[in-house]
Protein backbone atom coordinates (compact mmCIF):
# COMPACT_ATOMS: atom_id res chain seq x y z
CA UNK A 1 16.73 8.57 -35.58
CA UNK A 2 16.79 5.86 -38.22
CA UNK A 3 16.01 2.44 -36.78
CA UNK A 4 18.23 -0.60 -37.24
CA UNK A 5 15.51 -2.25 -39.33
CA UNK A 6 15.35 0.76 -41.64
CA UNK A 7 19.14 0.69 -42.02
CA UNK A 8 18.89 -2.99 -42.88
CA UNK A 9 16.29 -2.42 -45.57
CA UNK A 10 18.32 0.38 -47.19
CA UNK A 11 21.53 -1.66 -46.99
CA UNK A 12 19.94 -4.69 -48.62
CA UNK A 13 18.77 -2.58 -51.57
CA UNK A 14 22.17 -0.92 -51.79
CA UNK A 15 24.02 -4.25 -51.73
CA UNK A 16 22.52 -5.27 -55.07
CA UNK A 17 23.82 -2.08 -56.71
CA UNK A 18 27.18 -2.27 -54.93
CA UNK A 19 27.78 -5.76 -56.33
CA UNK A 20 27.33 -4.41 -59.86
CA UNK A 21 29.61 -1.37 -59.50
CA UNK A 22 32.87 -1.31 -61.40
CA UNK A 23 36.21 -1.43 -59.64
CA UNK A 24 36.89 2.17 -60.73
CA UNK A 25 33.63 3.34 -59.21
CA UNK A 26 34.33 1.70 -55.86
CA UNK A 27 37.93 2.94 -55.78
CA UNK A 28 36.83 6.43 -56.71
CA UNK A 29 34.34 6.39 -53.86
CA UNK A 30 37.06 5.44 -51.39
CA UNK A 31 39.21 8.37 -52.53
CA UNK A 32 36.29 10.78 -52.17
CA UNK A 33 35.61 9.41 -48.71
CA UNK A 34 39.28 9.99 -47.81
CA UNK A 35 39.06 13.57 -49.05
CA UNK A 36 35.94 14.19 -46.98
CA UNK A 37 37.66 12.80 -43.87
CA UNK A 38 40.48 15.30 -44.30
CA UNK A 39 38.02 18.15 -44.80
CA UNK A 40 36.12 17.16 -41.65
CA UNK A 41 39.22 16.75 -39.46
CA UNK A 42 38.38 19.64 -37.13
CA UNK A 43 34.82 18.43 -36.61
CA UNK A 44 36.04 14.88 -35.98
CA UNK A 45 38.62 15.98 -33.42
CA UNK A 46 36.10 18.24 -31.68
CA UNK A 47 33.65 15.36 -31.38
CA UNK A 48 36.44 13.09 -30.16
CA UNK A 49 37.41 15.61 -27.47
CA UNK A 50 33.87 15.39 -26.07
CA UNK A 51 34.06 11.57 -26.00
CA UNK A 52 37.44 11.70 -24.24
CA UNK A 53 36.19 14.19 -21.65
CA UNK A 54 33.16 12.01 -20.93
CA UNK A 55 35.36 8.91 -20.61
CA UNK A 56 37.70 10.62 -18.14
CA UNK A 57 34.73 11.89 -16.14
CA UNK A 58 33.54 8.28 -15.80
CA UNK A 59 36.97 7.30 -14.45
CA UNK A 60 37.89 5.24 -17.49
CA UNK A 61 41.36 3.70 -17.30
CA UNK A 62 44.17 5.34 -19.24
CA UNK A 63 44.70 2.48 -21.71
CA UNK A 64 41.03 2.62 -22.72
CA UNK A 65 41.17 6.38 -23.19
CA UNK A 66 44.23 5.88 -25.40
CA UNK A 67 42.25 3.58 -27.69
CA UNK A 68 39.54 6.18 -27.91
CA UNK A 69 41.82 9.11 -28.68
CA UNK A 70 42.17 10.57 -32.15
CA UNK A 71 44.77 13.07 -33.34
CA UNK A 72 45.73 14.85 -36.54
CA UNK A 73 47.94 11.88 -37.38
CA UNK A 74 45.26 9.29 -36.69
CA UNK A 75 42.71 11.11 -38.84
CA UNK A 76 45.30 11.31 -41.63
CA UNK A 77 46.06 7.60 -41.13
CA UNK A 78 42.35 6.84 -41.59
CA UNK A 79 42.29 8.83 -44.83
CA UNK A 80 45.46 7.19 -46.08
CA UNK A 81 44.04 3.79 -45.15
CA UNK A 82 41.06 4.43 -47.42
CA UNK A 83 43.40 5.37 -50.26
CA UNK A 84 45.59 2.33 -49.67
CA UNK A 85 42.56 0.07 -49.84
CA UNK A 86 41.55 1.77 -53.10
CA UNK A 87 44.97 0.86 -54.52
CA UNK A 88 44.60 -2.83 -53.73
CA UNK A 89 43.68 -5.37 -56.42
CA UNK A 90 39.96 -5.77 -56.93
CA UNK A 91 38.76 -8.94 -55.15
CA UNK A 92 35.42 -8.97 -56.99
CA UNK A 93 34.74 -10.73 -60.29
CA UNK A 94 38.00 -12.60 -60.20
CA UNK A 95 37.75 -16.06 -61.73
CA UNK A 96 39.12 -18.63 -59.30
CA UNK A 97 38.92 -21.36 -61.91
CA UNK A 98 36.94 -22.56 -64.92
CA UNK A 99 36.42 -26.06 -66.26
CA UNK A 100 34.38 -27.94 -68.83
CA UNK A 101 32.32 -31.00 -67.96
CA UNK A 102 32.07 -34.06 -70.28
CA UNK A 103 28.61 -32.91 -71.36
CA UNK A 104 30.02 -29.60 -72.57
CA UNK A 105 28.82 -27.41 -69.68
CA UNK A 106 31.39 -24.75 -68.81
CA UNK A 107 31.51 -23.85 -65.12
CA UNK A 108 33.09 -20.64 -63.85
CA UNK A 109 33.84 -20.14 -60.16
CA UNK A 110 34.18 -16.43 -59.35
CA UNK A 111 34.37 -14.11 -56.35
CA UNK A 112 31.33 -12.00 -55.41
CA UNK A 113 30.46 -9.83 -52.38
CA UNK A 114 28.87 -11.31 -49.29
CA UNK A 115 26.09 -8.70 -49.43
CA UNK A 116 25.33 -6.74 -46.26
CA UNK A 117 28.07 -6.84 -43.62
CA UNK A 118 27.46 -5.74 -40.04
CA UNK A 119 30.36 -4.80 -37.79
CA UNK A 120 30.03 -4.21 -34.04
CA UNK A 121 33.14 -2.72 -32.41
CA UNK A 122 34.36 -0.97 -29.30
CA UNK A 123 36.29 2.18 -28.41
CA UNK A 124 38.52 2.72 -31.42
CA UNK A 125 36.83 5.27 -33.74
CA UNK A 126 39.27 4.59 -36.59
CA UNK A 127 37.52 1.23 -37.05
CA UNK A 128 34.62 3.19 -38.55
CA UNK A 129 36.76 4.22 -41.51
CA UNK A 130 38.68 0.94 -41.77
CA UNK A 131 35.54 -1.21 -41.81
CA UNK A 132 33.77 1.02 -44.33
CA UNK A 133 36.81 0.95 -46.60
CA UNK A 134 37.05 -2.85 -46.69
CA UNK A 135 33.31 -3.23 -47.30
CA UNK A 136 33.20 -0.71 -50.16
CA UNK A 137 36.30 -2.22 -51.78
CA UNK A 138 34.75 -5.68 -51.69
CA UNK A 139 31.42 -4.48 -53.08
CA UNK A 140 29.44 -4.95 -49.88
CA UNK A 141 27.01 -2.64 -48.12
CA UNK A 142 27.80 -2.21 -44.42
CA UNK A 143 26.06 -1.31 -41.20
CA UNK A 144 28.46 -0.29 -38.44
CA UNK A 145 27.82 -0.04 -34.73
CA UNK A 146 30.53 1.40 -32.49
CA UNK A 147 30.68 1.58 -28.73
CA UNK A 148 28.64 4.19 -26.89
CA UNK A 149 31.85 5.68 -25.47
CA UNK A 150 32.84 6.82 -28.98
CA UNK A 151 29.40 7.75 -30.32
CA UNK A 152 30.25 11.39 -31.11
CA UNK A 153 33.52 10.47 -32.83
CA UNK A 154 31.90 7.69 -34.85
CA UNK A 155 29.04 9.91 -35.97
CA UNK A 156 31.43 12.66 -37.11
CA UNK A 157 33.53 10.14 -39.04
CA UNK A 158 30.45 8.57 -40.62
CA UNK A 159 29.11 12.00 -41.62
CA UNK A 160 32.31 12.48 -43.63
CA UNK A 161 32.22 8.98 -45.11
CA UNK A 162 28.57 9.29 -46.14
CA UNK A 163 29.29 12.65 -47.76
CA UNK A 164 32.12 11.09 -49.77
CA UNK A 165 29.90 8.16 -50.74
CA UNK A 166 27.23 10.58 -51.99
CA UNK A 167 29.83 12.59 -53.91
CA UNK A 168 30.86 9.38 -55.71
CA UNK A 169 27.32 8.25 -56.42
CA UNK A 170 27.25 5.18 -54.21
CA UNK A 171 23.71 3.91 -53.56
CA UNK A 172 21.91 5.25 -50.51
CA UNK A 173 22.53 2.91 -47.56
CA UNK A 174 25.80 1.52 -48.87
CA UNK A 175 27.64 2.83 -45.81
CA UNK A 176 25.73 3.47 -42.58
CA UNK A 177 26.11 3.71 -38.83
CA UNK A 178 23.75 2.73 -36.00
CA UNK A 179 23.61 6.06 -34.20
CA UNK A 180 21.51 4.77 -31.32
CA UNK A 181 24.06 3.86 -28.60
CA UNK A 182 21.65 1.67 -26.63
CA UNK A 183 22.10 -2.05 -26.06
CA UNK A 184 18.71 -2.62 -27.61
CA UNK A 185 20.02 -1.22 -30.90
CA UNK A 186 23.06 -3.48 -30.75
CA UNK A 187 20.85 -6.50 -30.08
CA UNK A 188 18.58 -5.52 -32.96
CA UNK A 189 21.59 -5.56 -35.29
CA UNK A 190 22.60 -8.99 -34.03
CA UNK A 191 19.12 -10.26 -34.90
CA UNK A 192 18.66 -8.57 -38.26
CA UNK A 193 17.78 -11.76 -40.11
CA UNK A 194 16.74 -11.34 -43.70
CA UNK A 195 18.88 -8.23 -44.13
CA UNK A 196 22.32 -8.93 -42.64
CA UNK A 197 24.42 -11.59 -44.39
CA UNK A 198 27.21 -11.69 -41.80
CA UNK A 199 28.06 -9.99 -38.52
CA UNK A 200 31.63 -9.34 -37.35
CA UNK A 201 32.34 -8.37 -33.71
CA UNK A 202 35.58 -6.49 -33.19
CA UNK A 203 36.42 -5.94 -29.55
CA UNK A 204 37.07 -7.61 -26.22
CA UNK A 205 35.95 -10.96 -24.90
CA UNK A 206 32.73 -9.52 -23.45
CA UNK A 207 31.57 -8.09 -26.76
CA UNK A 208 32.41 -11.26 -28.66
CA UNK A 209 30.59 -13.40 -26.09
CA UNK A 210 27.51 -11.14 -26.26
CA UNK A 211 27.41 -11.40 -30.05
CA UNK A 212 27.82 -15.17 -30.06
CA UNK A 213 25.03 -15.53 -27.47
CA UNK A 214 22.56 -13.15 -29.13
CA UNK A 215 23.21 -13.26 -32.87
CA UNK A 216 20.70 -14.85 -35.19
CA UNK A 217 22.82 -14.18 -38.28
CA UNK A 218 26.13 -15.79 -39.30
CA UNK A 219 29.10 -14.50 -37.29
CA UNK A 220 32.79 -14.25 -38.14
CA UNK A 221 34.55 -14.12 -34.77
CA UNK A 222 37.52 -11.79 -34.50
CA UNK A 223 39.36 -12.86 -31.44
CA UNK A 224 40.90 -11.50 -28.33
CA UNK A 225 44.68 -11.35 -28.29
CA UNK A 226 46.46 -13.09 -25.44
CA UNK A 227 49.77 -12.87 -27.32
CA UNK A 228 53.16 -14.25 -26.26
CA UNK A 229 56.82 -13.63 -27.03
CA UNK A 230 59.22 -16.49 -26.25
CA UNK A 231 62.93 -15.77 -25.76
CA UNK A 232 64.72 -18.98 -26.68
CA UNK A 233 67.96 -20.30 -25.18
CA UNK A 234 69.58 -19.67 -28.58
CA UNK A 235 68.67 -15.98 -28.57
CA UNK A 236 72.14 -14.46 -28.25
CA UNK A 237 71.31 -10.99 -29.60
CA UNK A 238 69.97 -9.49 -26.40
CA UNK A 239 69.74 -5.97 -27.81
CA UNK A 240 67.38 -7.29 -30.46
CA UNK A 241 65.38 -9.13 -27.81
CA UNK A 242 65.08 -6.00 -25.64
CA UNK A 243 63.89 -3.94 -28.60
CA UNK A 244 61.41 -6.50 -29.92
CA UNK A 245 59.86 -7.26 -26.53
CA UNK A 246 59.57 -3.56 -25.67
CA UNK A 247 57.81 -2.86 -28.95
CA UNK A 248 55.56 -5.90 -28.61
CA UNK A 249 54.25 -4.64 -25.28
CA UNK A 250 54.55 -0.89 -25.31
CA UNK A 251 53.93 0.25 -28.87
CA UNK A 252 50.27 0.36 -27.82
CA UNK A 253 49.24 -1.63 -24.77
CA UNK A 254 45.53 -1.37 -25.56
CA UNK A 255 45.53 -3.25 -28.87
CA UNK A 256 44.86 -6.94 -29.47
CA UNK A 257 48.35 -7.62 -30.91
CA UNK A 258 50.18 -6.41 -27.79
CA UNK A 259 52.29 -8.96 -25.89
CA UNK A 260 50.54 -10.05 -22.69
CA UNK A 261 52.92 -12.83 -21.56
CA UNK A 262 56.70 -13.02 -21.89
CA UNK A 263 58.17 -16.52 -21.83
CA UNK A 264 61.92 -16.99 -21.32
CA UNK A 265 64.06 -20.12 -21.47
CA UNK A 266 65.78 -20.74 -18.13
CA UNK A 267 69.21 -20.61 -19.82
CA UNK A 268 68.48 -17.14 -21.21
CA UNK A 269 66.73 -15.73 -18.17
CA UNK A 270 69.67 -14.64 -15.95
CA UNK A 271 71.25 -12.48 -18.64
CA UNK A 272 68.03 -11.22 -20.19
CA UNK A 273 65.24 -10.85 -17.66
CA UNK A 274 66.60 -8.41 -15.03
CA UNK A 275 67.46 -5.76 -17.64
CA UNK A 276 64.27 -6.33 -19.65
CA UNK A 277 61.97 -6.16 -16.66
CA UNK A 278 63.72 -3.07 -15.36
CA UNK A 279 63.05 -1.36 -18.68
CA UNK A 280 59.40 -2.31 -18.39
CA UNK A 281 59.25 -1.10 -14.78
CA UNK A 282 60.64 2.30 -15.79
CA UNK A 283 57.92 2.50 -18.42
CA UNK A 284 55.23 1.92 -15.80
CA UNK A 285 54.47 -1.72 -16.55
CA UNK A 286 53.34 -3.91 -13.65
CA UNK A 287 55.09 -7.31 -13.82
CA UNK A 288 53.42 -10.49 -12.59
CA UNK A 289 55.82 -13.38 -12.62
CA UNK A 290 56.36 -17.03 -11.72
CA UNK A 291 58.49 -18.05 -8.71
CA UNK A 292 61.68 -18.27 -10.78
CA UNK A 293 61.06 -14.81 -12.23
CA UNK A 294 60.65 -13.45 -8.69
CA UNK A 295 63.91 -15.11 -7.67
CA UNK A 296 65.70 -13.03 -10.31
CA UNK A 297 63.62 -9.88 -9.73
CA UNK A 298 62.22 -9.86 -6.19
CA UNK A 299 60.10 -6.77 -6.80
CA UNK A 300 57.87 -8.67 -9.25
CA UNK A 301 54.31 -9.49 -8.12
CA UNK A 302 53.12 -13.11 -7.96
CA UNK A 303 51.39 -14.36 -11.10
CA UNK A 304 48.22 -16.40 -10.71
CA UNK A 305 46.82 -19.06 -13.01
CA UNK A 306 44.37 -16.43 -14.26
CA UNK A 307 47.22 -14.17 -15.38
CA UNK A 308 48.42 -16.67 -17.94
CA UNK A 309 45.02 -16.54 -19.66
CA UNK A 310 44.38 -12.79 -19.43
CA UNK A 311 44.37 -10.21 -22.21
CA UNK A 312 45.21 -7.14 -20.13
CA UNK A 313 45.08 -4.36 -22.74
CA UNK A 314 46.95 -2.42 -20.06
CA UNK A 315 50.35 -1.73 -18.54
CA UNK A 316 50.53 -5.24 -17.06
CA UNK A 317 52.72 -8.14 -18.21
CA UNK A 318 52.87 -11.76 -17.12
CA UNK A 319 56.33 -13.40 -17.15
CA UNK A 320 57.23 -17.09 -16.91
CA UNK A 321 60.55 -18.93 -17.11
CA UNK A 322 60.31 -22.28 -18.90
CA UNK A 323 62.68 -25.25 -19.17
CA UNK A 324 62.37 -25.90 -22.90
CA UNK A 325 61.04 -24.80 -26.25
CA UNK A 326 58.34 -27.46 -26.04
CA UNK A 327 57.22 -26.16 -22.65
CA UNK A 328 56.88 -22.69 -24.16
CA UNK A 329 54.87 -24.07 -27.08
CA UNK A 330 52.64 -26.04 -24.69
CA UNK A 331 52.06 -22.92 -22.58
CA UNK A 332 51.08 -20.88 -25.65
CA UNK A 333 48.75 -23.55 -27.02
CA UNK A 334 47.14 -23.91 -23.58
CA UNK A 335 46.60 -20.26 -22.70
CA UNK A 336 46.83 -18.36 -25.99
CA UNK A 337 43.91 -17.21 -28.08
CA UNK A 338 45.39 -18.29 -31.45
CA UNK A 339 46.02 -14.68 -32.41
CA UNK A 340 49.76 -13.83 -32.68
CA UNK A 341 52.83 -15.49 -31.17
CA UNK A 342 56.58 -14.85 -31.53
CA UNK A 343 59.90 -16.58 -30.90
CA UNK A 344 63.24 -14.80 -30.58
CA UNK A 345 66.05 -17.19 -31.49
CA UNK A 346 69.21 -17.62 -33.50
CA UNK A 347 68.56 -21.30 -34.14
CA UNK A 348 66.80 -22.27 -37.37
CA UNK A 349 65.53 -25.57 -35.97
CA UNK A 350 63.98 -23.91 -32.94
CA UNK A 351 62.34 -21.33 -35.17
CA UNK A 352 60.90 -23.97 -37.48
CA UNK A 353 59.56 -26.11 -34.62
CA UNK A 354 57.87 -23.03 -33.16
CA UNK A 355 56.35 -22.15 -36.56
CA UNK A 356 55.11 -25.72 -37.04
CA UNK A 357 53.76 -26.40 -33.55
CA UNK A 358 52.22 -23.10 -32.39
CA UNK A 359 48.50 -22.87 -33.19
CA UNK A 360 47.92 -19.21 -34.09
CA UNK A 361 46.82 -17.07 -37.01
CA UNK A 362 50.18 -15.26 -37.12
CA UNK A 363 53.49 -16.71 -35.92
CA UNK A 364 56.68 -14.61 -35.91
CA UNK A 365 60.39 -15.30 -35.80
CA UNK A 366 62.53 -12.44 -34.46
CA UNK A 367 59.79 -9.83 -34.85
CA UNK A 368 57.12 -8.48 -32.51
CA UNK A 369 53.46 -9.45 -32.51
CA UNK A 370 52.65 -5.76 -33.03
CA UNK A 371 52.93 -6.32 -36.80
CA UNK A 372 49.66 -8.27 -36.89
CA UNK A 373 47.67 -5.53 -38.53
CA UNK A 374 45.96 -5.15 -41.88
CA UNK A 375 48.05 -2.15 -42.84
CA UNK A 376 51.32 -3.90 -41.99
CA UNK A 377 50.26 -6.97 -43.99
CA UNK A 378 49.60 -4.80 -47.04
CA UNK A 379 45.79 -4.81 -46.77
CA UNK A 380 45.57 -1.04 -46.21
CA UNK A 381 43.10 -1.61 -43.35
CA UNK A 382 41.25 -4.53 -41.82
CA UNK A 383 37.87 -5.61 -40.57
CA UNK A 384 39.52 -7.39 -37.65
CA UNK A 385 41.87 -10.21 -36.72
CA UNK A 386 40.12 -13.55 -37.05
CA UNK A 387 41.47 -16.41 -34.98
CA UNK A 388 38.90 -18.89 -36.19
CA UNK A 389 39.83 -21.58 -38.69
CA UNK A 390 37.10 -20.98 -41.23
CA UNK A 391 37.54 -19.09 -44.50
CA UNK A 392 39.22 -16.09 -42.85
CA UNK A 393 42.15 -16.18 -40.41
CA UNK A 394 44.42 -13.37 -39.26
CA UNK A 395 43.96 -9.80 -40.51
CA UNK A 396 40.83 -9.70 -42.68
CA UNK A 397 41.15 -7.73 -45.88
CA UNK A 398 38.77 -7.21 -48.82
CA UNK A 399 39.08 -10.74 -50.20
CA UNK A 400 37.79 -12.15 -46.90
CA UNK A 401 34.44 -10.41 -47.43
CA UNK A 402 33.77 -12.28 -50.63
CA UNK A 403 32.12 -15.60 -51.39
CA UNK A 404 31.83 -17.94 -54.36
CA UNK A 405 29.36 -17.80 -57.20
CA UNK A 406 29.14 -20.38 -59.98
CA UNK A 407 28.24 -19.34 -63.51
CA UNK A 408 27.31 -22.24 -65.76
CA UNK A 409 27.29 -21.81 -69.53
CA UNK A 410 25.35 -24.34 -71.59
CA UNK A 411 24.17 -24.99 -75.14
CA UNK A 412 20.85 -26.69 -74.49
CA UNK A 413 22.16 -29.67 -72.52
CA UNK A 414 19.65 -31.58 -70.38
CA UNK A 415 20.27 -33.87 -67.46
CA UNK A 416 19.48 -37.55 -68.04
C-alpha cells in the first residue's frame, strides 16, 4: 500500500504539471473521469453495499447510514457533477488586474493553483468525486482521505477517477486517495509539511477539531451546520412556511445544511406551530422545545441549553418561541455556526434586518437552508462549506482553490 509520504511526493511533482495544463486538457480529463464513473457503476455500488452492511452490523444510526448510501442516481449525480464542473469558467490564468508603475514596470496580478490540496472527509463517498473535480478544474493535485466506514466505496470511486485521469493524460499523482483507513494515516496527511499546500477537513465537529489540533499545514476550516429557520410575525403564507421548514429539515437530515433549530415569533406560533410540529412528528422527527412550545404542543420533549447549540444530523429538531426579530437574530448569532440561516416573512424591512444582522455564510429569505450546496449555487460541486471569514466563505468552488501570482514585466529598470 502506497504510504502518505509517497502520495505527497507524487502529488507535488504532479502539481507543477497540473498548473501548466490548458483549460481544455483539464476539462477533457473531467469528462473522461465522468465516463469512467458511469462505466464502474456496478463495481461502485457493490463496494458500497459492503460498506453499508458493515455499518449496520456495527449498529450505526440510520441517518449516518443514509449519508453513506449510494444509488444509481447518486453515482449519476457524481458523474454529472464532474461534467458540470468541466463546463464552468476556467479560474486559472485569469488576470485580476494590471497596472503600470511610474518607473515603467508593468505588474500583472493573476490567478494560479494552490498546488497540492488535501481533503479529509467523513461518510459521504460522493465527496471523493466532488473534491477531485474541483481540484482538477482549478489545476491542483489532490490527496483525498475518506472515513474508514466508506473505504470500499471510496476506493472503487477513486479507481474510476484515476482511470479517467490516465485516459486523459493527467500526470501520475494528480488525483489520489489514502487507502490506509488507520488514524495514523490520517495524522500523517495532517502533518505532510513540504508536500501539502493546504488541508481541508469536511465533516463533523470531531473531525474538524482533530485536524485543527494535529495539522502542521495550513487549514481551511469547513464548518459544522447548526442551521436555523425563523418564522417571522409577518409570515402570513403558512403553506409556504410549512413547505420550506419541512424541506429544510427533512430533505436530508444528515447533511450540514439541514435545519437544526426552528425559531417562531410568538405572534405566529399559535397558528403555525401545532400543524408544523405534527407534520414533523408524523415523519418521525423528535421535537425538543422551550416551555412555550410545550404549552402549545404538550407532547414535545424539554429542550436543554445544549440543544440550542447542537448539530444533530438526525431526526431531531429544537424549537423555540421568541418575542421579536431581534431575539431570533441574537439566538442565531449566539448558537449558530455561521453556516446557513433563513427567515420566512412577508415584510421587506424584517427581511433586510435579518440579512444585515445575521452572521452567516449564507442567509436566506423565504427559502430553505437546504440550498446551501455547490451544485445549487452553480459551482457543479464543492470542496465544502466554509464558515470562516478568510478568502473562502460558503460553498467552495474552483476559484476558492486558487491564489495570487504577480508577473512583473520590465525593460531594464533598477531600483534606486
